[in-house]
Structures are given as structure tokens and as C-alpha cells.
Amino acid sequence: MKRVSESVGQKPVVHVRYEGFEPIENGRRLRLRVKLSGQAAFEVTCDVSDAAFISAARLTIQDAAPMAYEKLVALLAQEHSMAPTTLSLTAADVSDYIRRHQSHKDRRFTSEYTAPANVAA
């Protein structure tokens, strides 16, 4: 469980937990549990289109959960509260995520296996 906290007394403490996904037509629906201080926990879902990852260079569907988490935390930081809702990851969300996480652009994928050189038999 990740915790987002601000200065004491100003903004509520927020807990966001990724709980899994389910397949939907042309994508996935991620389930996140949100708990704001002083309120009952509730579920937020985030729909993710497969197309967002087909067109995004070197991103995988596994990047969807951190993207959804970051989007939800940013919304909660602005609003300080939220009702159960469904969000969607947009092309702009994907672009922003790539920009914030430059290592994604630098990944090198290969299907070839290279054995370590300094391994004792």
C-alpha cells in the first residue's frame, strides 16, 4: 500500500492500493482501493485501452498500474476528496508518464540471451 501525505492539518492522508485488473473489450479495467482519512474506503476503477500500449514506444501493459496510481494521486491532490468513479488513461497520460520516467525510453529489449561472462561452472 502506498501512502500520499501532505502537511499535517492541511490535506487528508491518502492510501491507494492496486487490487488487480479484469479484462474488458479492447483493454483492461484496473481496480484501486482508496482510503482518505476520516472516510470509508472506496473503489476507483481505471480503464486502459490496449491501443495506448501498442502505439507507445517500449511501454508494457504492466506500466498501466503505476500510471493509474499516479493519475489518481494527482487528482486527489487537486480535489482532496473523490467519490467512487471510473477513470480512463488517455494518450496524454501515457505521454506524461513517459516524460516523467525517462528510463522507459532508454530500455533495450532483446530476445537473445547472453550468458554472464564471469560465472564459475
PDB file of N, CA and C in Angstrom:
ATOM      1  N   MET A   1       0.846  -1.164   0.000  1.00  0.00           N
ATOM      2  CA  MET A   1       0.000   0.000   0.000  1.00  0.00           C
ATOM      3  C   MET A   1       0.895   1.232   0.000  1.00  0.00           C
ATOM      4  N   LYS A   2       0.591   2.181  -0.854  1.00  0.00           N
ATOM      5  CA  LYS A   2       1.368   3.406  -0.907  1.00  0.00           C
ATOM      6  C   LYS A   2       0.621   4.489  -0.151  1.00  0.00           C
ATOM      7  N   ARG A   3       1.351   5.403   0.391  1.00  0.00           N
ATOM      8  CA  ARG A   3       0.766   6.467   1.179  1.00  0.00           C
ATOM      9  C   ARG A   3       1.145   7.810   0.578  1.00  0.00           C
ATOM     10  N   VAL A   4       0.166   8.683   0.441  1.00  0.00           N
ATOM     11  CA  VAL A   4       0.403  10.034  -0.019  1.00  0.00           C
ATOM     12  C   VAL A   4       0.010  10.933   1.130  1.00  0.00           C
ATOM     13  N   SER A   5       0.935  11.678   1.684  1.00  0.00           N
ATOM     14  CA  SER A   5       0.586  12.542   2.807  1.00  0.00           C
ATOM     15  C   SER A   5       1.132  13.936   2.582  1.00  0.00           C
ATOM     16  N   GLU A   6       0.402  14.871   3.049  1.00  0.00           N
ATOM     17  CA  GLU A   6       0.785  16.272   2.938  1.00  0.00           C
ATOM     18  C   GLU A   6       0.990  16.812   4.348  1.00  0.00           C
ATOM     19  N   SER A   7       1.188  18.102   4.466  1.00  0.00           N
ATOM     20  CA  SER A   7       1.383  18.730   5.764  1.00  0.00           C
ATOM     21  C   SER A   7       0.221  18.418   6.685  1.00  0.00           C
ATOM     22  N   VAL A   8       0.542  18.121   7.937  1.00  0.00           N
ATOM     23  CA  VAL A   8      -0.473  17.775   8.919  1.00  0.00           C
ATOM     24  C   VAL A   8      -1.447  18.933   9.068  1.00  0.00           C
ATOM     25  N   GLY A   9      -2.742  18.624   9.040  1.00  0.00           N
ATOM     26  CA  GLY A   9      -3.761  19.637   9.220  1.00  0.00           C
ATOM     27  C   GLY A   9      -4.244  20.283   7.936  1.00  0.00           C
ATOM     28  N   GLN A  10      -3.517  20.154   6.852  1.00  0.00           N
ATOM     29  CA  GLN A  10      -3.931  20.804   5.615  1.00  0.00           C
ATOM     30  C   GLN A  10      -4.715  19.874   4.702  1.00  0.00           C
ATOM     31  N   LYS A  11      -4.171  18.717   4.419  1.00  0.00           N
ATOM     32  CA  LYS A  11      -4.804  17.808   3.475  1.00  0.00           C
ATOM     33  C   LYS A  11      -4.913  16.436   4.118  1.00  0.00           C
ATOM     34  N   PRO A  12      -5.932  15.667   3.739  1.00  0.00           N
ATOM     35  CA  PRO A  12      -6.083  14.343   4.345  1.00  0.00           C
ATOM     36  C   PRO A  12      -4.991  13.382   3.897  1.00  0.00           C
ATOM     37  N   VAL A  13      -4.699  12.421   4.753  1.00  0.00           N
ATOM     38  CA  VAL A  13      -3.780  11.355   4.382  1.00  0.00           C
ATOM     39  C   VAL A  13      -4.531  10.412   3.458  1.00  0.00           C
ATOM     40  N   VAL A  14      -3.861   9.985   2.401  1.00  0.00           N
ATOM     41  CA  VAL A  14      -4.490   9.148   1.388  1.00  0.00           C
ATOM     42  C   VAL A  14      -3.723   7.837   1.274  1.00  0.00           C
ATOM     43  N   HIS A  15      -4.467   6.738   1.221  1.00  0.00           N
ATOM     44  CA  HIS A  15      -3.880   5.425   0.960  1.00  0.00           C
ATOM     45  C   HIS A  15      -4.491   4.915  -0.342  1.00  0.00           C
ATOM     46  N   VAL A  16      -3.654   4.482  -1.274  1.00  0.00           N
ATOM     47  CA  VAL A  16      -4.123   3.927  -2.537  1.00  0.00           C
ATOM     48  C   VAL A  16      -3.472   2.565  -2.703  1.00  0.00           C
ATOM     49  N   ARG A  17      -4.299   1.558  -2.991  1.00  0.00           N
ATOM     50  CA  ARG A  17      -3.774   0.204  -3.177  1.00  0.00           C
ATOM     51  C   ARG A  17      -4.314  -0.372  -4.486  1.00  0.00           C
ATOM     52  N   TYR A  18      -3.409  -0.888  -5.302  1.00  0.00           N
ATOM     53  CA  TYR A  18      -3.780  -1.577  -6.533  1.00  0.00           C
ATOM     54  C   TYR A  18      -4.298  -2.956  -6.138  1.00  0.00           C
ATOM     55  N   GLU A  19      -5.505  -3.310  -6.604  1.00  0.00           N
ATOM     56  CA  GLU A  19      -6.098  -4.586  -6.224  1.00  0.00           C
ATOM     57  C   GLU A  19      -6.210  -5.586  -7.363  1.00  0.00           C
ATOM     58  N   GLY A  20      -5.870  -5.196  -8.567  1.00  0.00           N
ATOM     59  CA  GLY A  20      -5.916  -6.135  -9.680  1.00  0.00           C
ATOM     60  C   GLY A  20      -6.612  -5.550 -10.894  1.00  0.00           C
ATOM     61  N   PHE A  21      -6.865  -6.432 -11.858  1.00  0.00           N
ATOM     62  CA  PHE A  21      -7.495  -5.981 -13.096  1.00  0.00           C
ATOM     63  C   PHE A  21      -8.456  -7.051 -13.591  1.00  0.00           C
ATOM     64  N   GLU A  22      -9.292  -6.647 -14.516  1.00  0.00           N
ATOM     65  CA  GLU A  22     -10.170  -7.581 -15.225  1.00  0.00           C
ATOM     66  C   GLU A  22     -10.163  -7.192 -16.698  1.00  0.00           C
ATOM     67  N   PRO A  23     -10.278  -8.169 -17.568  1.00  0.00           N
ATOM     68  CA  PRO A  23     -10.306  -7.838 -19.000  1.00  0.00           C
ATOM     69  C   PRO A  23     -11.629  -7.164 -19.369  1.00  0.00           C
ATOM     70  N   ILE A  24     -11.538  -6.188 -20.234  1.00  0.00           N
ATOM     71  CA  ILE A  24     -12.717  -5.561 -20.821  1.00  0.00           C
ATOM     72  C   ILE A  24     -12.488  -5.525 -22.325  1.00  0.00           C
ATOM     73  N   GLU A  25     -13.506  -5.190 -23.068  1.00  0.00           N
ATOM     74  CA  GLU A  25     -13.356  -5.136 -24.518  1.00  0.00           C
ATOM     75  C   GLU A  25     -12.263  -4.132 -24.883  1.00  0.00           C
ATOM     76  N   ASN A  26     -11.275  -4.581 -25.618  1.00  0.00           N
ATOM     77  CA  ASN A  26     -10.157  -3.757 -26.105  1.00  0.00           C
ATOM     78  C   ASN A  26      -9.266  -3.192 -25.001  1.00  0.00           C
ATOM     79  N   GLY A  27      -9.210  -3.868 -23.845  1.00  0.00           N
ATOM     80  CA  GLY A  27      -8.330  -3.353 -22.799  1.00  0.00           C
ATOM     81  C   GLY A  27      -8.488  -4.064 -21.470  1.00  0.00           C
ATOM     82  N   ARG A  28      -8.195  -3.322 -20.430  1.00  0.00           N
ATOM     83  CA  ARG A  28      -8.282  -3.826 -19.061  1.00  0.00           C
ATOM     84  C   ARG A  28      -8.915  -2.769 -18.177  1.00  0.00           C
ATOM     85  N   ARG A  29      -9.522  -3.223 -17.102  1.00  0.00           N
ATOM     86  CA  ARG A  29     -10.054  -2.331 -16.064  1.00  0.00           C
ATOM     87  C   ARG A  29      -9.261  -2.615 -14.798  1.00  0.00           C
ATOM     88  N   LEU A  30      -8.527  -1.621 -14.338  1.00  0.00           N
ATOM     89  CA  LEU A  30      -7.747  -1.744 -13.119  1.00  0.00           C
ATOM     90  C   LEU A  30      -8.616  -1.362 -11.923  1.00  0.00           C
ATOM     91  N   ARG A  31      -8.450  -2.075 -10.816  1.00  0.00           N
ATOM     92  CA  ARG A  31      -9.184  -1.764  -9.588  1.00  0.00           C
ATOM     93  C   ARG A  31      -8.210  -1.226  -8.542  1.00  0.00           C
ATOM     94  N   LEU A  32      -8.546  -0.060  -8.001  1.00  0.00           N
ATOM     95  CA  LEU A  32      -7.733   0.574  -6.964  1.00  0.00           C
ATOM     96  C   LEU A  32      -8.629   0.861  -5.761  1.00  0.00           C
ATOM     97  N   ARG A  33      -8.128   0.603  -4.570  1.00  0.00           N
ATOM     98  CA  ARG A  33      -8.851   0.881  -3.326  1.00  0.00           C
ATOM     99  C   ARG A  33      -8.278   2.164  -2.750  1.00  0.00           C
ATOM    100  N   VAL A  34      -9.160   3.122  -2.442  1.00  0.00           N
ATOM    101  CA  VAL A  34      -8.748   4.427  -1.924  1.00  0.00           C
ATOM    102  C   VAL A  34      -9.312   4.597  -0.524  1.00  0.00           C
ATOM    103  N   LYS A  35      -8.463   5.054   0.383  1.00  0.00           N
ATOM    104  CA  LYS A  35      -8.884   5.340   1.751  1.00  0.00           C
ATOM    105  C   LYS A  35      -8.378   6.723   2.106  1.00  0.00           C
ATOM    106  N   LEU A  36      -9.308   7.647   2.306  1.00  0.00           N
ATOM    107  CA  LEU A  36      -8.973   9.000   2.748  1.00  0.00           C
ATOM    108  C   LEU A  36      -9.185   9.071   4.248  1.00  0.00           C
ATOM    109  N   SER A  37      -8.349   9.814   4.949  1.00  0.00           N
ATOM    110  CA  SER A  37      -8.500   9.895   6.399  1.00  0.00           C
ATOM    111  C   SER A  37      -9.896  10.392   6.755  1.00  0.00           C
ATOM    112  N   GLY A  38     -10.506   9.686   7.697  1.00  0.00           N
ATOM    113  CA  GLY A  38     -11.837  10.078   8.156  1.00  0.00           C
ATOM    114  C   GLY A  38     -12.979   9.615   7.268  1.00  0.00           C
ATOM    115  N   GLN A  39     -12.693   8.839   6.228  1.00  0.00           N
ATOM    116  CA  GLN A  39     -13.744   8.366   5.323  1.00  0.00           C
ATOM    117  C   GLN A  39     -13.614   6.864   5.129  1.00  0.00           C
ATOM    118  N   ALA A  40     -14.707   6.245   4.727  1.00  0.00           N
ATOM    119  CA  ALA A  40     -14.676   4.814   4.412  1.00  0.00           C
ATOM    120  C   ALA A  40     -13.913   4.596   3.108  1.00  0.00           C
ATOM    121  N   ALA A  41     -13.273   3.448   2.997  1.00  0.00           N
ATOM    122  CA  ALA A  41     -12.550   3.102   1.763  1.00  0.00           C
ATOM    123  C   ALA A  41     -13.553   2.921   0.629  1.00  0.00           C
ATOM    124  N   PHE A  42     -13.117   3.195  -0.583  1.00  0.00           N
ATOM    125  CA  PHE A  42     -13.969   3.011  -1.756  1.00  0.00           C
ATOM    126  C   PHE A  42     -13.105   2.589  -2.937  1.00  0.00           C
ATOM    127  N   GLU A  43     -13.765   2.074  -3.979  1.00  0.00           N
ATOM    128  CA  GLU A  43     -13.055   1.599  -5.158  1.00  0.00           C
ATOM    129  C   GLU A  43     -13.111   2.620  -6.275  1.00  0.00           C
ATOM    130  N   VAL A  44     -11.982   2.761  -6.949  1.00  0.00           N
ATOM    131  CA  VAL A  44     -11.887   3.555  -8.172  1.00  0.00           C
ATOM    132  C   VAL A  44     -11.386   2.600  -9.231  1.00  0.00           C
ATOM    133  N   THR A  45     -12.009   2.617 -10.395  1.00  0.00           N
ATOM    134  CA  THR A  45     -11.536   1.794 -11.494  1.00  0.00           C
ATOM    135  C   THR A  45     -10.922   2.697 -12.553  1.00  0.00           C
ATOM    136  N   CYS A  46     -10.025   2.128 -13.311  1.00  0.00           N
ATOM    137  CA  CYS A  46      -9.346   2.877 -14.367  1.00  0.00           C
ATOM    138  C   CYS A  46      -9.295   2.014 -15.613  1.00  0.00           C
ATOM    139  N   ASP A  47      -9.985   2.438 -16.657  1.00  0.00           N
ATOM    140  CA  ASP A  47      -9.995   1.695 -17.905  1.00  0.00           C
ATOM    141  C   ASP A  47      -8.757   2.040 -18.723  1.00  0.00           C
ATOM    142  N   VAL A  48      -8.128   0.984 -19.241  1.00  0.00           N
ATOM    143  CA  VAL A  48      -6.895   1.128 -20.004  1.00  0.00           C
ATOM    144  C   VAL A  48      -7.089   0.462 -21.357  1.00  0.00           C
ATOM    145  N   SER A  49      -6.915   1.214 -22.403  1.00  0.00           N
ATOM    146  CA  SER A  49      -7.043   0.705 -23.767  1.00  0.00           C
ATOM    147  C   SER A  49      -5.775  -0.016 -24.177  1.00  0.00           C
ATOM    148  N   ASP A  50      -5.926  -1.174 -24.802  1.00  0.00           N
ATOM    149  CA  ASP A  50      -4.756  -1.875 -25.344  1.00  0.00           C
ATOM    150  C   ASP A  50      -4.026  -0.997 -26.355  1.00  0.00           C
ATOM    151  N   ALA A  51      -4.766  -0.192 -27.100  1.00  0.00           N
ATOM    152  CA  ALA A  51      -4.178   0.663 -28.139  1.00  0.00           C
ATOM    153  C   ALA A  51      -3.175   1.653 -27.558  1.00  0.00           C
ATOM    154  N   ALA A  52      -3.382   2.079 -26.321  1.00  0.00           N
ATOM    155  CA  ALA A  52      -2.453   3.025 -25.699  1.00  0.00           C
ATOM    156  C   ALA A  52      -1.064   2.424 -25.566  1.00  0.00           C
ATOM    157  N   PHE A  53      -0.986   1.102 -25.436  1.00  0.00           N
ATOM    158  CA  PHE A  53       0.302   0.454 -25.251  1.00  0.00           C
ATOM    159  C   PHE A  53       0.884  -0.073 -26.553  1.00  0.00           C
ATOM    160  N   ILE A  54       0.037  -0.291 -27.530  1.00  0.00           N
ATOM    161  CA  ILE A  54       0.528  -0.721 -28.838  1.00  0.00           C
ATOM    162  C   ILE A  54       1.281   0.425 -29.499  1.00  0.00           C
ATOM    163  N   SER A  55       0.758   1.647 -29.345  1.00  0.00           N
ATOM    164  CA  SER A  55       1.378   2.798 -30.004  1.00  0.00           C
ATOM    165  C   SER A  55       2.490   3.434 -29.174  1.00  0.00           C
ATOM    166  N   ALA A  56       2.553   3.140 -27.876  1.00  0.00           N
ATOM    167  CA  ALA A  56       3.572   3.759 -27.015  1.00  0.00           C
ATOM    168  C   ALA A  56       4.869   2.972 -27.088  1.00  0.00           C
ATOM    169  N   ALA A  57       5.924   3.679 -27.419  1.00  0.00           N
ATOM    170  CA  ALA A  57       7.232   3.031 -27.560  1.00  0.00           C
ATOM    171  C   ALA A  57       7.716   2.474 -26.229  1.00  0.00           C
ATOM    172  N   ARG A  58       8.000   1.188 -26.232  1.00  0.00           N
ATOM    173  CA  ARG A  58       8.647   0.497 -25.123  1.00  0.00           C
ATOM    174  C   ARG A  58       7.893   0.558 -23.803  1.00  0.00           C
ATOM    175  N   LEU A  59       6.582   0.696 -23.848  1.00  0.00           N
ATOM    176  CA  LEU A  59       5.770   0.563 -22.645  1.00  0.00           C
ATOM    177  C   LEU A  59       5.087  -0.791 -22.700  1.00  0.00           C
ATOM    178  N   THR A  60       4.837  -1.344 -21.529  1.00  0.00           N
ATOM    179  CA  THR A  60       4.106  -2.598 -21.459  1.00  0.00           C
ATOM    180  C   THR A  60       2.839  -2.383 -20.657  1.00  0.00           C
ATOM    181  N   ILE A  61       1.940  -3.321 -20.751  1.00  0.00           N
ATOM    182  CA  ILE A  61       0.686  -3.217 -20.006  1.00  0.00           C
ATOM    183  C   ILE A  61       0.950  -3.171 -18.502  1.00  0.00           C
ATOM    184  N   GLN A  62       2.100  -3.708 -18.058  1.00  0.00           N
ATOM    185  CA  GLN A  62       2.437  -3.647 -16.635  1.00  0.00           C
ATOM    186  C   GLN A  62       2.676  -2.212 -16.162  1.00  0.00           C
ATOM    187  N   ASP A  63       2.928  -1.296 -17.086  1.00  0.00           N
ATOM    188  CA  ASP A  63       3.090   0.108 -16.727  1.00  0.00           C
ATOM    189  C   ASP A  63       1.745   0.776 -16.425  1.00  0.00           C
ATOM    190  N   ALA A  64       0.648   0.114 -16.737  1.00  0.00           N
ATOM    191  CA  ALA A  64      -0.676   0.711 -16.540  1.00  0.00           C
ATOM    192  C   ALA A  64      -0.972   0.980 -15.071  1.00  0.00           C
ATOM    193  N   ALA A  65      -0.632   0.045 -14.182  1.00  0.00           N
ATOM    194  CA  ALA A  65      -0.935   0.236 -12.751  1.00  0.00           C
ATOM    195  C   ALA A  65      -0.219   1.466 -12.179  1.00  0.00           C
ATOM    196  N   PRO A  66       1.102   1.635 -12.412  1.00  0.00           N
ATOM    197  CA  PRO A  66       1.731   2.851 -11.899  1.00  0.00           C
ATOM    198  C   PRO A  66       1.165   4.125 -12.543  1.00  0.00           C
ATOM    199  N   MET A  67       0.792   4.051 -13.815  1.00  0.00           N
ATOM    200  CA  MET A  67       0.201   5.218 -14.468  1.00  0.00           C
ATOM    201  C   MET A  67      -1.127   5.583 -13.821  1.00  0.00           C
ATOM    202  N   ALA A  68      -1.966   4.564 -13.578  1.00  0.00           N
ATOM    203  CA  ALA A  68      -3.269   4.803 -12.941  1.00  0.00           C
ATOM    204  C   ALA A  68      -3.069   5.361 -11.534  1.00  0.00           C
ATOM    205  N   TYR A  69      -2.117   4.782 -10.804  1.00  0.00           N
ATOM    206  CA  TYR A  69      -1.820   5.256  -9.453  1.00  0.00           C
ATOM    207  C   TYR A  69      -1.428   6.736  -9.492  1.00  0.00           C
ATOM    208  N   GLU A  70      -0.501   7.104 -10.372  1.00  0.00           N
ATOM    209  CA  GLU A  70      -0.042   8.488 -10.454  1.00  0.00           C
ATOM    210  C   GLU A  70      -1.180   9.439 -10.839  1.00  0.00           C
ATOM    211  N   LYS A  71      -2.031   9.008 -11.769  1.00  0.00           N
ATOM    212  CA  LYS A  71      -3.160   9.849 -12.172  1.00  0.00           C
ATOM    213  C   LYS A  71      -4.122  10.047 -11.005  1.00  0.00           C
ATOM    214  N   LEU A  72      -4.426   8.973 -10.294  1.00  0.00           N
ATOM    215  CA  LEU A  72      -5.349   9.047  -9.166  1.00  0.00           C
ATOM    216  C   LEU A  72      -4.784   9.931  -8.054  1.00  0.00           C
ATOM    217  N   VAL A  73      -3.520   9.766  -7.724  1.00  0.00           N
ATOM    218  CA  VAL A  73      -2.890  10.584  -6.684  1.00  0.00           C
ATOM    219  C   VAL A  73      -2.916  12.061  -7.073  1.00  0.00           C
ATOM    220  N   ALA A  74      -2.645  12.361  -8.340  1.00  0.00           N
ATOM    221  CA  ALA A  74      -2.676  13.753  -8.802  1.00  0.00           C
ATOM    222  C   ALA A  74      -4.087  14.336  -8.679  1.00  0.00           C
ATOM    223  N   LEU A  75      -5.096  13.558  -9.037  1.00  0.00           N
ATOM    224  CA  LEU A  75      -6.480  14.032  -8.898  1.00  0.00           C
ATOM    225  C   LEU A  75      -6.842  14.268  -7.438  1.00  0.00           C
ATOM    226  N   LEU A  76      -6.440  13.352  -6.571  1.00  0.00           N
ATOM    227  CA  LEU A  76      -6.731  13.504  -5.146  1.00  0.00           C
ATOM    228  C   LEU A  76      -6.000  14.707  -4.554  1.00  0.00           C
ATOM    229  N   ALA A  77      -4.807  15.001  -5.034  1.00  0.00           N
ATOM    230  CA  ALA A  77      -4.058  16.163  -4.551  1.00  0.00           C
ATOM    231  C   ALA A  77      -4.768  17.460  -4.925  1.00  0.00           C
ATOM    232  N   GLN A  78      -5.441  17.461  -6.076  1.00  0.00           N
ATOM    233  CA  GLN A  78      -6.175  18.650  -6.519  1.00  0.00           C
ATOM    234  C   GLN A  78      -7.519  18.777  -5.819  1.00  0.00           C
ATOM    235  N   GLU A  79      -8.228  17.646  -5.707  1.00  0.00           N
ATOM    236  CA  GLU A  79      -9.601  17.658  -5.214  1.00  0.00           C
ATOM    237  C   GLU A  79      -9.719  17.458  -3.709  1.00  0.00           C
ATOM    238  N   HIS A  80      -8.782  16.750  -3.097  1.00  0.00           N
ATOM    239  CA  HIS A  80      -8.783  16.411  -1.670  1.00  0.00           C
ATOM    240  C   HIS A  80      -9.904  15.463  -1.280  1.00  0.00           C
ATOM    241  N   SER A  81     -10.727  15.058  -2.226  1.00  0.00           N
ATOM    242  CA  SER A  81     -11.769  14.064  -1.980  1.00  0.00           C
ATOM    243  C   SER A  81     -12.227  13.526  -3.330  1.00  0.00           C
ATOM    244  N   MET A  82     -12.932  12.416  -3.285  1.00  0.00           N
ATOM    245  CA  MET A  82     -13.397  11.820  -4.535  1.00  0.00           C
ATOM    246  C   MET A  82     -14.451  10.779  -4.199  1.00  0.00           C
ATOM    247  N   ALA A  83     -15.428  10.664  -5.043  1.00  0.00           N
ATOM    248  CA  ALA A  83     -16.426   9.608  -4.915  1.00  0.00           C
ATOM    249  C   ALA A  83     -15.963   8.421  -5.749  1.00  0.00           C
ATOM    250  N   PRO A  84     -16.491   7.232  -5.481  1.00  0.00           N
ATOM    251  CA  PRO A  84     -16.140   6.094  -6.347  1.00  0.00           C
ATOM    252  C   PRO A  84     -16.411   6.466  -7.801  1.00  0.00           C
ATOM    253  N   THR A  85     -15.492   6.154  -8.670  1.00  0.00           N
ATOM    254  CA  THR A  85     -15.604   6.583 -10.060  1.00  0.00           C
ATOM    255  C   THR A  85     -14.785   5.682 -10.960  1.00  0.00           C
ATOM    256  N   THR A  86     -14.947   5.869 -12.263  1.00  0.00           N
ATOM    257  CA  THR A  86     -14.114   5.193 -13.250  1.00  0.00           C
ATOM    258  C   THR A  86     -13.332   6.242 -14.019  1.00  0.00           C
ATOM    259  N   LEU A  87     -12.023   6.065 -14.044  1.00  0.00           N
ATOM    260  CA  LEU A  87     -11.138   6.930 -14.803  1.00  0.00           C
ATOM    261  C   LEU A  87     -10.724   6.203 -16.069  1.00  0.00           C
ATOM    262  N   SER A  88     -10.101   6.915 -16.973  1.00  0.00           N
ATOM    263  CA  SER A  88      -9.510   6.309 -18.169  1.00  0.00           C
ATOM    264  C   SER A  88      -8.131   6.884 -18.362  1.00  0.00           C
ATOM    265  N   LEU A  89      -7.189   6.031 -18.759  1.00  0.00           N
ATOM    266  CA  LEU A  89      -5.871   6.528 -19.130  1.00  0.00           C
ATOM    267  C   LEU A  89      -5.950   7.016 -20.566  1.00  0.00           C
ATOM    268  N   THR A  90      -5.492   8.225 -20.791  1.00  0.00           N
ATOM    269  CA  THR A  90      -5.534   8.830 -22.119  1.00  0.00           C
ATOM    270  C   THR A  90      -4.142   8.810 -22.748  1.00  0.00           C
ATOM    271  N   ALA A  91      -4.088   9.162 -24.014  1.00  0.00           N
ATOM    272  CA  ALA A  91      -2.793   9.274 -24.696  1.00  0.00           C
ATOM    273  C   ALA A  91      -1.930  10.322 -24.001  1.00  0.00           C
ATOM    274  N   ALA A  92      -2.539  11.384 -23.505  1.00  0.00           N
ATOM    275  CA  ALA A  92      -1.795  12.417 -22.779  1.00  0.00           C
ATOM    276  C   ALA A  92      -1.218  11.850 -21.480  1.00  0.00           C
ATOM    277  N   ASP A  93      -1.965  10.990 -20.783  1.00  0.00           N
ATOM    278  CA  ASP A  93      -1.453  10.355 -19.561  1.00  0.00           C
ATOM    279  C   ASP A  93      -0.233   9.502 -19.872  1.00  0.00           C
ATOM    280  N   VAL A  94      -0.294   8.764 -20.981  1.00  0.00           N
ATOM    281  CA  VAL A  94       0.826   7.910 -21.382  1.00  0.00           C
ATOM    282  C   VAL A  94       2.040   8.769 -21.711  1.00  0.00           C
ATOM    283  N   SER A  95       1.848   9.837 -22.464  1.00  0.00           N
ATOM    284  CA  SER A  95       2.952  10.738 -22.818  1.00  0.00           C
ATOM    285  C   SER A  95       3.568  11.368 -21.574  1.00  0.00           C
ATOM    286  N   ASP A  96       2.727  11.816 -20.648  1.00  0.00           N
ATOM    287  CA  ASP A  96       3.232  12.412 -19.411  1.00  0.00           C
ATOM    288  C   ASP A  96       4.030  11.398 -18.609  1.00  0.00           C
ATOM    289  N   TYR A  97       3.549  10.165 -18.547  1.00  0.00           N
ATOM    290  CA  TYR A  97       4.242   9.106 -17.811  1.00  0.00           C
ATOM    291  C   TYR A  97       5.617   8.847 -18.418  1.00  0.00           C
ATOM    292  N   ILE A  98       5.678   8.765 -19.735  1.00  0.00           N
ATOM    293  CA  ILE A  98       6.956   8.538 -20.417  1.00  0.00           C
ATOM    294  C   ILE A  98       7.914   9.688 -20.116  1.00  0.00           C
ATOM    295  N   ARG A  99       7.408  10.894 -20.154  1.00  0.00           N
ATOM    296  CA  ARG A  99       8.246  12.059 -19.874  1.00  0.00           C
ATOM    297  C   ARG A  99       8.793  12.020 -18.444  1.00  0.00           C
ATOM    298  N   ARG A 100       7.945  11.618 -17.481  1.00  0.00           N
ATOM    299  CA  ARG A 100       8.380  11.561 -16.080  1.00  0.00           C
ATOM    300  C   ARG A 100       9.319  10.399 -15.799  1.00  0.00           C
ATOM    301  N   HIS A 101       9.230   9.363 -16.602  1.00  0.00           N
ATOM    302  CA  HIS A 101      10.021   8.156 -16.384  1.00  0.00           C
ATOM    303  C   HIS A 101      10.907   7.909 -17.603  1.00  0.00           C
ATOM    304  N   GLN A 102      11.910   8.706 -17.751  1.00  0.00           N
ATOM    305  CA  GLN A 102      12.777   8.653 -18.922  1.00  0.00           C
ATOM    306  C   GLN A 102      13.401   7.284 -19.145  1.00  0.00           C
ATOM    307  N   SER A 103      13.544   6.481 -18.102  1.00  0.00           N
ATOM    308  CA  SER A 103      14.169   5.168 -18.264  1.00  0.00           C
ATOM    309  C   SER A 103      13.390   4.304 -19.251  1.00  0.00           C
ATOM    310  N   HIS A 104      12.109   4.552 -19.426  1.00  0.00           N
ATOM    311  CA  HIS A 104      11.322   3.780 -20.390  1.00  0.00           C
ATOM    312  C   HIS A 104      11.822   4.001 -21.815  1.00  0.00           C
ATOM    313  N   LYS A 105      12.257   5.204 -22.093  1.00  0.00           N
ATOM    314  CA  LYS A 105      12.757   5.490 -23.437  1.00  0.00           C
ATOM    315  C   LYS A 105      14.097   4.811 -23.684  1.00  0.00           C
ATOM    316  N   ASP A 106      14.832   4.573 -22.600  1.00  0.00           N
ATOM    317  CA  ASP A 106      16.181   4.036 -22.726  1.00  0.00           C
ATOM    318  C   ASP A 106      16.249   2.517 -22.618  1.00  0.00           C
ATOM    319  N   ARG A 107      15.126   1.852 -22.356  1.00  0.00           N
ATOM    320  CA  ARG A 107      15.151   0.395 -22.240  1.00  0.00           C
ATOM    321  C   ARG A 107      15.571  -0.241 -23.549  1.00  0.00           C
ATOM    322  N   ARG A 108      16.283  -1.314 -23.439  1.00  0.00           N
ATOM    323  CA  ARG A 108      16.681  -2.078 -24.611  1.00  0.00           C
ATOM    324  C   ARG A 108      16.110  -3.475 -24.474  1.00  0.00           C
ATOM    325  N   PHE A 109      15.234  -3.830 -25.361  1.00  0.00           N
ATOM    326  CA  PHE A 109      14.633  -5.151 -25.340  1.00  0.00           C
ATOM    327  C   PHE A 109      15.322  -6.030 -26.366  1.00  0.00           C
ATOM    328  N   THR A 110      15.561  -7.265 -25.995  1.00  0.00           N
ATOM    329  CA  THR A 110      16.153  -8.203 -26.928  1.00  0.00           C
ATOM    330  C   THR A 110      15.614  -9.584 -26.641  1.00  0.00           C
ATOM    331  N   SER A 111      15.499 -10.380 -27.653  1.00  0.00           N
ATOM    332  CA  SER A 111      15.044 -11.743 -27.446  1.00  0.00           C
ATOM    333  C   SER A 111      16.217 -12.699 -27.323  1.00  0.00           C
ATOM    334  N   GLU A 112      17.419 -12.173 -27.475  1.00  0.00           N
ATOM    335  CA  GLU A 112      18.614 -13.001 -27.382  1.00  0.00           C
ATOM    336  C   GLU A 112      19.071 -13.091 -25.929  1.00  0.00           C
ATOM    337  N   TYR A 113      19.510 -14.261 -25.521  1.00  0.00           N
ATOM    338  CA  TYR A 113      20.045 -14.462 -24.181  1.00  0.00           C
ATOM    339  C   TYR A 113      21.554 -14.444 -24.244  1.00  0.00           C
ATOM    340  N   THR A 114      22.159 -13.664 -23.384  1.00  0.00           N
ATOM    341  CA  THR A 114      23.613 -13.619 -23.289  1.00  0.00           C
ATOM    342  C   THR A 114      24.002 -14.142 -21.920  1.00  0.00           C
ATOM    343  N   ALA A 115      24.775 -15.207 -21.889  1.00  0.00           N
ATOM    344  CA  ALA A 115      25.215 -15.791 -20.614  1.00  0.00           C
ATOM    345  C   ALA A 115      26.211 -14.869 -19.945  1.00  0.00           C
ATOM    346  N   PRO A 116      26.149 -14.775 -18.600  1.00  0.00           N
ATOM    347  CA  PRO A 116      27.129 -13.965 -17.884  1.00  0.00           C
ATOM    348  C   PRO A 116      28.544 -14.464 -18.141  1.00  0.00           C
ATOM    349  N   ALA A 117      29.506 -13.553 -18.287  1.00  0.00           N
ATOM    350  CA  ALA A 117      30.885 -13.928 -18.645  1.00  0.00           C
ATOM    351  C   ALA A 117      31.699 -14.430 -17.461  1.00  0.00           C
ATOM    352  N   ASN A 118      31.439 -13.956 -16.265  1.00  0.00           N
ATOM    353  CA  ASN A 118      32.264 -14.277 -15.115  1.00  0.00           C
ATOM    354  C   ASN A 118      31.556 -15.245 -14.154  1.00  0.00           C
ATOM    355  N   VAL A 119      31.024 -16.307 -14.657  1.00  0.00           N
ATOM    356  CA  VAL A 119      30.312 -17.276 -13.836  1.00  0.00           C
ATOM    357  C   VAL A 119      31.140 -18.540 -13.720  1.00  0.00           C
ATOM    358  N   ALA A 120      31.374 -18.960 -12.480  1.00  0.00           N
ATOM    359  CA  ALA A 120      32.124 -20.204 -12.263  1.00  0.00           C
ATOM    360  C   ALA A 120      31.227 -21.385 -12.552  1.00  0.00           C
ATOM    361  N   ALA A 121      31.782 -22.415 -13.175  1.00  0.00           N
ATOM    362  CA  ALA A 121      30.985 -23.588 -13.536  1.00  0.00           C
ATOM    363  C   ALA A 121      30.785 -24.495 -12.360  1.00  0.00           C
TER     364      ALA A 121
END
